Amino acid sequence: MNEIKYFDHAATTPLSREVLDAMMPWLTDNFGNASSVYSIGRTARAAVDEARAQVAKAINAKEKEIYFTAGGSEGDNTLIKGVAMAKRAKGNHIITSKIEHPAVLETCKQLEKEGFEVTYLEVNGEGKISIDDLKAAIKPETVLITIMFANNEIGSIQPIAEIGAIAREHKILFHTDAVQAVGNVPVDVKAMNIDLLSMSAHKFYGPKGVGAMYIRTGVVVDKLIAGGHQEKGKRAGTENVAGIVGMGKAIELACENMAENSARITELRDYYLAQVEEKVPYIRINSGKEGFLPGTANVSFKYIEGESLLFMLDMKGICASSGSACTSGSLDPSHVLLAIGVPVEVAHGSLRISIGKSNTKEDIDFLVDTLVNVVEKLRAMSPLYEDFLNGKYII
């Protein structure tokens, strides 16, 4: 069995040992229900409140503005649908982008079936929206702008503060899916004029199955999950105390070490892109360096299929992705790559790597050397590549 080389931190991150240690007491001895009034329940409630404070501090929010969820997708659904329903008397228009995560796009499609109008903004070749296009899309009926902070496939970071300022100027609520951003780049909801934000713990070395929403004080959002009174009536269901404690610890650690980790991971990403560009011919680099997440690099290898590439890398112990983990079962080319202008044939041969804090330069060297060999083998079996060599087919 080959040693695992993990390059898929945008899909999920390994649980930090320090986070696990913080969680363990709440999985065993401290099992109380945080909504119970007796002592072990109050102890659990105190732990949840501490984690709420840790999450709030990480994004410069107030503790009362943080609500725990089961993850990013739940947060996106709750906030987008919740605002749409709460604001329906005012208007029925929502603005988003063509490269959002499926949790946003599919939610918007559901709302379209219920009579809402959705504008899907184009992006440029770097995967970033135009501020002028955003301004032009605003209508008197616009009730929500939802634009992701950073893209999960190519790593492009949107001009969040500008978007927030425009939304605030027009008295439109602004939501951002910050699942890829929180814990990796600085996020300040006040400075960036963010009204609503979704995040997920397992993207910054916390546990799976727990996330959080930020809802600015004064913003009304209809609840998605009805039932009990948990999370100040915004989200019913017994609190996942261990997961919430883990999220609090993970986000605290991520913020403490962000600058150091970001600098080292950025260096590794730039090294990878330089090496793969030098050693593998006929590629298209889909991720940039400035204005992109530190660890995300998306490259298309022409004349091969991405699925075959992933399988052969897996045989060498390399974990990577052809795009979003949420769409890995789809045979369709990435909607993100198509939106930035990548031809369909090229998009099919894409590889996303996302570097984490445990990766090393030696890991990158192993990855690039493996790519050189694997791409050469796949192209040797590709009729498209043979046609290209014979001048019959060029992409």
Protein backbone atom coordinates (compact mmCIF):
# COMPACT_ATOMS: atom_id res chain seq x y z
CA MET A 1 0.00 0.00 0.00
CA ASN A 2 1.38 3.38 -1.03
CA GLU A 3 1.78 6.11 1.56
CA ILE A 4 -1.14 8.53 1.24
CA LYS A 5 -0.32 11.96 -0.15
CA TYR A 6 -3.39 14.07 0.58
CA PHE A 7 -4.08 17.01 -1.73
CA ASP A 8 -7.84 17.50 -1.29
CA HIS A 9 -8.18 19.87 1.66
CA ALA A 10 -10.93 21.83 -0.13
CA ALA A 11 -13.07 18.68 0.10
CA THR A 12 -12.29 18.06 3.76
CA THR A 13 -9.42 18.38 6.20
CA PRO A 14 -8.15 15.84 8.72
CA LEU A 15 -9.38 16.38 12.26
CA SER A 16 -6.70 18.12 14.31
CA ARG A 17 -5.45 16.17 17.34
CA GLU A 18 -5.96 19.24 19.54
CA VAL A 19 -9.54 19.50 18.30
CA LEU A 20 -10.20 15.82 18.99
CA ASP A 21 -8.80 16.20 22.50
CA ALA A 22 -11.15 19.13 23.12
CA MET A 23 -14.12 17.09 21.85
CA MET A 24 -13.52 13.84 23.71
CA PRO A 25 -14.96 14.79 27.13
CA TRP A 26 -18.21 15.83 25.43
CA LEU A 27 -18.46 12.46 23.72
CA THR A 28 -18.08 10.51 26.95
CA ASP A 29 -18.49 11.82 30.50
CA ASN A 30 -20.01 15.24 29.69
CA PHE A 31 -23.01 13.92 27.78
CA GLY A 32 -25.63 16.38 29.00
CA ASN A 33 -28.21 18.00 26.75
CA ALA A 34 -27.31 21.68 26.40
CA SER A 35 -30.99 22.63 26.61
CA SER A 36 -31.55 20.90 29.95
CA VAL A 37 -31.72 22.93 33.15
CA TYR A 38 -29.86 20.57 35.51
CA SER A 39 -26.12 20.81 36.17
CA ILE A 40 -24.72 18.61 33.40
CA GLY A 41 -27.00 20.38 30.93
CA ARG A 42 -25.79 23.76 32.13
CA THR A 43 -22.20 22.56 31.78
CA ALA A 44 -22.88 21.58 28.17
CA ARG A 45 -24.55 24.95 27.56
CA ALA A 46 -21.47 26.75 28.86
CA ALA A 47 -19.31 24.78 26.42
CA VAL A 48 -21.60 25.71 23.51
CA ASP A 49 -21.52 29.36 24.54
CA GLU A 50 -17.72 29.31 24.68
CA ALA A 51 -17.56 27.89 21.16
CA ARG A 52 -20.03 30.53 19.99
CA ALA A 53 -17.69 33.19 21.33
CA GLN A 54 -14.73 31.59 19.53
CA VAL A 55 -16.57 31.54 16.21
CA ALA A 56 -17.81 35.10 16.64
CA LYS A 57 -14.32 36.39 17.40
CA ALA A 58 -12.91 34.71 14.29
CA ILE A 59 -15.14 36.75 11.95
CA ASN A 60 -15.55 39.89 14.11
CA ALA A 61 -19.19 39.20 14.94
CA LYS A 62 -21.21 39.31 18.15
CA GLU A 63 -21.81 36.06 19.99
CA LYS A 64 -25.59 36.44 19.64
CA GLU A 65 -25.18 36.60 15.84
CA ILE A 66 -23.79 33.04 15.59
CA TYR A 67 -26.08 30.04 15.10
CA PHE A 68 -24.79 26.48 14.86
CA THR A 69 -25.88 24.15 12.04
CA ALA A 70 -24.96 20.76 10.61
CA GLY A 71 -22.71 22.30 7.95
CA GLY A 72 -22.32 24.71 5.05
CA SER A 73 -25.11 23.35 2.87
CA GLU A 74 -27.65 23.72 5.66
CA GLY A 75 -26.43 27.25 6.30
CA ASP A 76 -26.76 28.23 2.63
CA ASN A 77 -30.26 26.74 2.40
CA THR A 78 -31.43 28.31 5.64
CA LEU A 79 -30.16 31.79 4.91
CA ILE A 80 -31.16 32.02 1.24
CA LYS A 81 -34.60 30.47 1.66
CA GLY A 82 -35.09 32.19 5.00
CA VAL A 83 -34.46 35.65 3.58
CA ALA A 84 -36.50 34.94 0.46
CA MET A 85 -39.53 33.97 2.49
CA ALA A 86 -39.12 36.73 5.07
CA LYS A 87 -38.78 39.38 2.33
CA ARG A 88 -41.35 38.04 -0.11
CA ALA A 89 -43.71 40.96 0.47
CA LYS A 90 -40.92 43.36 -0.57
CA GLY A 91 -39.71 41.58 -3.68
CA ASN A 92 -38.86 38.29 -5.36
CA HIS A 93 -35.51 38.93 -7.04
CA ILE A 94 -32.19 37.32 -6.04
CA ILE A 95 -28.73 37.91 -7.51
CA THR A 96 -26.04 35.23 -7.46
CA SER A 97 -23.19 34.05 -9.72
CA LYS A 98 -22.78 31.20 -12.18
CA ILE A 99 -19.94 29.61 -10.19
CA GLU A 100 -21.60 29.18 -6.81
CA HIS A 101 -21.49 25.92 -4.87
CA PRO A 102 -24.42 23.59 -5.65
CA ALA A 103 -25.83 24.34 -2.18
CA VAL A 104 -26.49 27.87 -3.45
CA LEU A 105 -27.34 27.14 -7.09
CA GLU A 106 -29.78 24.34 -6.32
CA THR A 107 -31.42 26.42 -3.60
CA CYS A 108 -31.91 29.26 -6.08
CA LYS A 109 -33.40 26.84 -8.62
CA GLN A 110 -35.87 25.65 -5.99
CA LEU A 111 -36.88 29.24 -5.30
CA GLU A 112 -37.36 29.87 -9.03
CA LYS A 113 -40.01 27.12 -8.99
CA GLU A 114 -41.76 29.04 -6.22
CA GLY A 115 -41.98 32.23 -8.24
CA PHE A 116 -38.67 33.93 -7.48
CA GLU A 117 -36.54 35.48 -10.19
CA VAL A 118 -32.81 34.78 -10.04
CA THR A 119 -30.05 36.60 -11.94
CA TYR A 120 -26.91 34.51 -12.43
CA LEU A 121 -23.96 36.84 -12.96
CA GLU A 122 -21.22 35.96 -15.43
CA VAL A 123 -17.60 35.80 -14.25
CA ASN A 124 -14.37 36.70 -16.00
CA GLY A 125 -11.51 34.34 -16.87
CA GLU A 126 -10.35 34.42 -13.24
CA GLY A 127 -13.76 33.48 -11.91
CA LYS A 128 -14.62 36.91 -10.52
CA ILE A 129 -17.81 38.88 -11.02
CA SER A 130 -17.97 42.38 -12.45
CA ILE A 131 -19.06 45.07 -10.00
CA ASP A 132 -20.67 46.92 -12.91
CA ASP A 133 -22.67 43.81 -13.83
CA LEU A 134 -23.81 43.52 -10.22
CA LYS A 135 -24.98 47.12 -10.13
CA ALA A 136 -26.82 46.70 -13.44
CA ALA A 137 -28.62 43.60 -12.17
CA ILE A 138 -30.18 45.31 -9.15
CA LYS A 139 -33.92 45.94 -9.36
CA PRO A 140 -36.47 47.47 -6.99
CA GLU A 141 -37.59 43.87 -6.31
CA THR A 142 -34.10 42.63 -5.35
CA VAL A 143 -34.12 41.27 -1.79
CA LEU A 144 -30.87 39.27 -1.65
CA ILE A 145 -27.40 39.13 -3.15
CA THR A 146 -25.64 35.81 -2.52
CA ILE A 147 -22.06 35.60 -3.78
CA MET A 148 -19.53 33.10 -2.49
CA PHE A 149 -16.44 34.41 -0.72
CA ALA A 150 -14.00 32.02 -2.41
CA ASN A 151 -14.62 29.39 -5.07
CA ASN A 152 -14.25 25.74 -4.14
CA GLU A 153 -12.88 24.60 -7.52
CA ILE A 154 -10.46 27.31 -8.65
CA GLY A 155 -9.99 29.33 -5.45
CA SER A 156 -10.93 32.76 -6.82
CA ILE A 157 -11.80 35.30 -4.12
CA GLN A 158 -14.61 37.74 -4.90
CA PRO A 159 -14.50 41.49 -4.09
CA ILE A 160 -16.60 40.86 -1.00
CA ALA A 161 -16.25 44.27 0.66
CA GLU A 162 -17.30 46.05 -2.55
CA ILE A 163 -20.27 43.73 -3.03
CA GLY A 164 -21.29 44.30 0.58
CA ALA A 165 -21.03 48.06 0.23
CA ILE A 166 -23.25 48.05 -2.86
CA ALA A 167 -25.81 45.83 -1.15
CA ARG A 168 -25.83 48.07 1.92
CA GLU A 169 -26.21 51.19 -0.23
CA HIS A 170 -29.29 49.69 -1.93
CA LYS A 171 -30.68 48.26 1.33
CA ILE A 172 -30.37 44.70 -0.02
CA LEU A 173 -29.25 41.86 2.20
CA PHE A 174 -25.90 40.26 1.33
CA HIS A 175 -25.13 36.61 2.00
CA THR A 176 -21.81 34.92 1.33
CA ASP A 177 -20.99 31.23 1.31
CA ALA A 178 -17.66 31.46 3.12
CA VAL A 179 -17.10 27.72 3.54
CA GLN A 180 -13.76 27.78 1.70
CA ALA A 181 -12.66 31.11 3.15
CA VAL A 182 -13.17 30.92 6.91
CA GLY A 183 -10.02 29.61 8.58
CA ASN A 184 -7.95 30.15 5.43
CA VAL A 185 -8.13 33.90 4.79
CA PRO A 186 -9.17 36.83 7.02
CA VAL A 187 -12.94 37.35 7.22
CA ASP A 188 -14.44 40.43 8.90
CA VAL A 189 -18.21 40.65 8.61
CA LYS A 190 -18.33 44.25 9.79
CA ALA A 191 -15.58 45.65 7.56
CA MET A 192 -16.92 43.68 4.58
CA ASN A 193 -20.57 44.70 5.06
CA ILE A 194 -21.70 41.06 5.27
CA ASP A 195 -25.24 40.50 6.56
CA LEU A 196 -25.33 36.70 6.39
CA LEU A 197 -22.57 34.10 6.21
CA SER A 198 -22.27 30.30 6.11
CA MET A 199 -19.27 28.21 7.22
CA SER A 200 -18.35 24.58 7.90
CA ALA A 201 -15.97 23.21 10.53
CA HIS A 202 -14.44 20.37 8.52
CA LYS A 203 -12.81 22.82 6.11
CA PHE A 204 -10.45 24.08 8.84
CA TYR A 205 -9.45 20.86 10.64
CA GLY A 206 -12.63 20.60 12.67
CA PRO A 207 -15.24 17.81 12.75
CA LYS A 208 -17.68 16.97 9.97
CA GLY A 209 -21.38 17.52 10.49
CA VAL A 210 -21.18 20.90 12.19
CA GLY A 211 -21.18 24.45 10.85
CA ALA A 212 -22.38 27.91 11.71
CA MET A 213 -24.37 30.80 10.34
CA TYR A 214 -23.78 34.47 10.98
CA ILE A 215 -26.96 36.57 10.95
CA ARG A 216 -26.39 40.28 11.52
CA THR A 217 -28.41 41.74 14.36
CA GLY A 218 -31.74 43.01 13.10
CA VAL A 219 -31.90 40.78 10.01
CA VAL A 220 -35.01 38.61 9.91
CA VAL A 221 -34.62 35.09 8.51
CA ASP A 222 -37.41 32.50 8.47
CA LYS A 223 -36.24 29.23 10.01
CA LEU A 224 -35.70 26.18 7.81
CA ILE A 225 -35.88 23.49 10.50
CA ALA A 226 -38.90 23.80 12.79
CA GLY A 227 -39.30 22.05 16.11
CA GLY A 228 -37.66 22.95 19.40
CA HIS A 229 -36.38 26.30 20.59
CA GLN A 230 -32.67 25.56 20.14
CA GLU A 231 -30.31 28.19 18.68
CA LYS A 232 -32.56 31.00 19.84
CA GLY A 233 -35.44 29.56 17.84
CA LYS A 234 -33.54 29.73 14.54
CA ARG A 235 -32.63 26.03 14.21
CA ALA A 236 -34.45 23.19 15.96
CA GLY A 237 -32.62 20.05 17.06
CA THR A 238 -30.55 18.92 20.05
CA GLU A 239 -27.18 20.65 19.97
CA ASN A 240 -24.19 18.63 18.77
CA VAL A 241 -22.14 19.68 21.79
CA ALA A 242 -18.97 17.74 20.94
CA GLY A 243 -19.02 18.95 17.34
CA ILE A 244 -19.67 22.54 18.38
CA VAL A 245 -16.82 22.44 20.90
CA GLY A 246 -14.58 21.02 18.18
CA MET A 247 -15.57 23.77 15.78
CA GLY A 248 -14.79 26.44 18.35
CA LYS A 249 -11.34 24.99 19.02
CA ALA A 250 -10.61 24.48 15.31
CA ILE A 251 -11.50 28.02 14.29
CA GLU A 252 -9.47 29.43 17.17
CA LEU A 253 -6.41 27.45 16.08
CA ALA A 254 -6.93 28.35 12.42
CA CYS A 255 -6.98 32.07 13.19
CA GLU A 256 -3.97 31.88 15.50
CA ASN A 257 -1.82 30.23 12.80
CA MET A 258 -3.40 31.73 9.68
CA ALA A 259 -0.60 34.04 8.57
CA GLU A 260 2.11 31.42 8.99
CA ASN A 261 0.13 28.63 7.35
CA SER A 262 -1.03 30.85 4.50
CA ALA A 263 2.48 31.98 3.62
CA ARG A 264 3.87 28.44 3.57
CA ILE A 265 0.91 26.96 1.66
CA THR A 266 1.01 29.78 -0.91
CA GLU A 267 4.69 29.05 -1.51
CA LEU A 268 3.89 25.38 -2.10
CA ARG A 269 1.04 26.22 -4.47
CA ASP A 270 3.21 28.54 -6.54
CA TYR A 271 5.96 25.92 -6.63
CA TYR A 272 3.48 23.28 -7.84
CA LEU A 273 2.12 25.50 -10.62
CA ALA A 274 5.63 26.40 -11.78
CA GLN A 275 6.77 22.78 -11.78
CA VAL A 276 3.75 21.36 -13.56
CA GLU A 277 3.89 24.12 -16.18
CA GLU A 278 7.56 23.38 -16.79
CA LYS A 279 7.32 19.58 -16.90
CA VAL A 280 3.93 18.76 -18.43
CA PRO A 281 3.12 20.09 -21.93
CA TYR A 282 -0.33 21.05 -23.23
CA ILE A 283 -1.98 22.21 -20.04
CA ARG A 284 -4.23 25.09 -19.04
CA ILE A 285 -3.82 26.67 -15.61
CA ASN A 286 -7.25 27.70 -14.33
CA SER A 287 -6.20 29.20 -10.97
CA GLY A 288 -4.31 32.42 -10.47
CA LYS A 289 -2.00 33.56 -7.71
CA GLU A 290 -3.19 37.02 -6.70
CA GLY A 291 -6.70 37.15 -5.30
CA PHE A 292 -6.98 33.38 -4.91
CA LEU A 293 -7.04 31.02 -1.94
CA PRO A 294 -3.55 30.06 -0.75
CA GLY A 295 -3.77 26.33 -1.37
CA THR A 296 -6.07 25.78 -4.35
CA ALA A 297 -4.65 25.04 -7.78
CA ASN A 298 -6.74 23.88 -10.74
CA VAL A 299 -5.03 22.68 -13.92
CA SER A 300 -6.51 21.11 -17.07
CA PHE A 301 -4.45 18.47 -18.86
CA LYS A 302 -5.46 18.39 -22.51
CA TYR A 303 -6.30 15.18 -24.40
CA ILE A 304 -7.05 13.08 -21.30
CA GLU A 305 -10.02 12.39 -19.04
CA GLY A 306 -9.91 13.71 -15.49
CA GLU A 307 -11.54 10.59 -14.02
CA SER A 308 -8.81 8.35 -15.46
CA LEU A 309 -6.21 10.74 -14.12
CA LEU A 310 -7.72 10.59 -10.64
CA PHE A 311 -7.83 6.79 -10.64
CA MET A 312 -4.20 6.48 -11.66
CA LEU A 313 -3.11 9.05 -9.09
CA ASP A 314 -5.08 7.12 -6.47
CA MET A 315 -3.15 3.98 -7.38
CA LYS A 316 0.00 5.93 -6.46
CA GLY A 317 -1.53 7.01 -3.13
CA ILE A 318 -2.37 10.56 -4.24
CA CYS A 319 -5.73 12.03 -3.19
CA ALA A 320 -6.94 14.89 -5.40
CA SER A 321 -10.13 15.97 -7.13
CA SER A 322 -11.54 16.87 -10.52
CA GLY A 323 -13.64 19.60 -8.92
CA SER A 324 -16.14 19.89 -6.09
CA ALA A 325 -16.54 16.83 -3.88
CA CYS A 326 -20.29 17.50 -3.97
CA THR A 327 -20.39 16.88 -7.74
CA SER A 328 -17.78 14.12 -8.01
CA GLY A 329 -20.40 11.61 -9.17
CA SER A 330 -21.35 13.74 -12.17
CA LEU A 331 -20.04 13.08 -15.68
CA ASP A 332 -20.77 16.65 -16.74
CA PRO A 333 -17.86 19.08 -17.05
CA SER A 334 -17.42 21.56 -14.21
CA HIS A 335 -19.86 24.46 -14.37
CA VAL A 336 -17.14 26.62 -12.84
CA LEU A 337 -14.58 25.86 -15.55
CA LEU A 338 -17.13 26.36 -18.32
CA ALA A 339 -18.09 29.72 -16.77
CA ILE A 340 -14.49 30.97 -16.91
CA GLY A 341 -14.17 30.01 -20.56
CA VAL A 342 -12.54 26.57 -20.46
CA PRO A 343 -13.62 24.51 -23.51
CA VAL A 344 -15.69 21.42 -22.68
CA GLU A 345 -13.01 19.02 -23.94
CA VAL A 346 -10.35 20.70 -21.81
CA ALA A 347 -12.57 20.97 -18.74
CA HIS A 348 -12.98 17.17 -18.73
CA GLY A 349 -9.26 16.80 -18.05
CA SER A 350 -9.07 19.05 -15.01
CA LEU A 351 -7.35 18.33 -11.71
CA ARG A 352 -7.87 20.33 -8.55
CA ILE A 353 -5.34 20.02 -5.78
CA SER A 354 -5.82 21.83 -2.49
CA ILE A 355 -2.78 22.00 -0.26
CA GLY A 356 -2.97 21.82 3.53
CA LYS A 357 -0.75 22.54 6.49
CA SER A 358 0.78 19.03 6.56
CA ASN A 359 1.95 19.04 2.93
CA THR A 360 5.63 19.47 2.11
CA LYS A 361 7.79 20.40 -0.86
CA GLU A 362 8.70 16.71 -1.14
CA ASP A 363 5.00 15.91 -1.47
CA ILE A 364 4.72 18.39 -4.34
CA ASP A 365 7.75 16.88 -6.07
CA PHE A 366 6.21 13.41 -5.78
CA LEU A 367 2.91 14.70 -7.16
CA VAL A 368 4.50 16.43 -10.14
CA ASP A 369 6.75 13.45 -10.98
CA THR A 370 3.70 11.19 -10.82
CA LEU A 371 1.70 13.53 -13.02
CA VAL A 372 4.44 13.54 -15.65
CA ASN A 373 4.31 9.75 -15.89
CA VAL A 374 0.55 9.33 -15.60
CA VAL A 375 -0.31 12.03 -18.13
CA GLU A 376 2.19 10.55 -20.58
CA LYS A 377 0.59 7.09 -20.20
CA LEU A 378 -2.95 8.39 -20.59
CA ARG A 379 -2.07 10.41 -23.67
CA ALA A 380 -0.41 7.38 -25.21
CA MET A 381 -3.83 5.67 -25.03
CA SER A 382 -5.79 8.72 -26.21
CA PRO A 383 -7.04 8.86 -29.83
CA LEU A 384 -7.50 12.62 -29.36
CA TYR A 385 -3.83 13.02 -28.55
CA GLU A 386 -2.86 10.92 -31.55
CA ASP A 387 -5.04 13.11 -33.76
CA PHE A 388 -3.42 16.18 -32.22
CA LEU A 389 0.07 14.88 -32.99
CA ASN A 390 -1.03 14.23 -36.57
CA GLY A 391 -2.43 17.76 -36.86
CA LYS A 392 -6.06 16.63 -37.08
CA TYR A 393 -7.37 17.89 -33.75
CA ILE A 394 -6.26 20.89 -31.74
CA ILE A 395 -7.64 22.27 -28.48
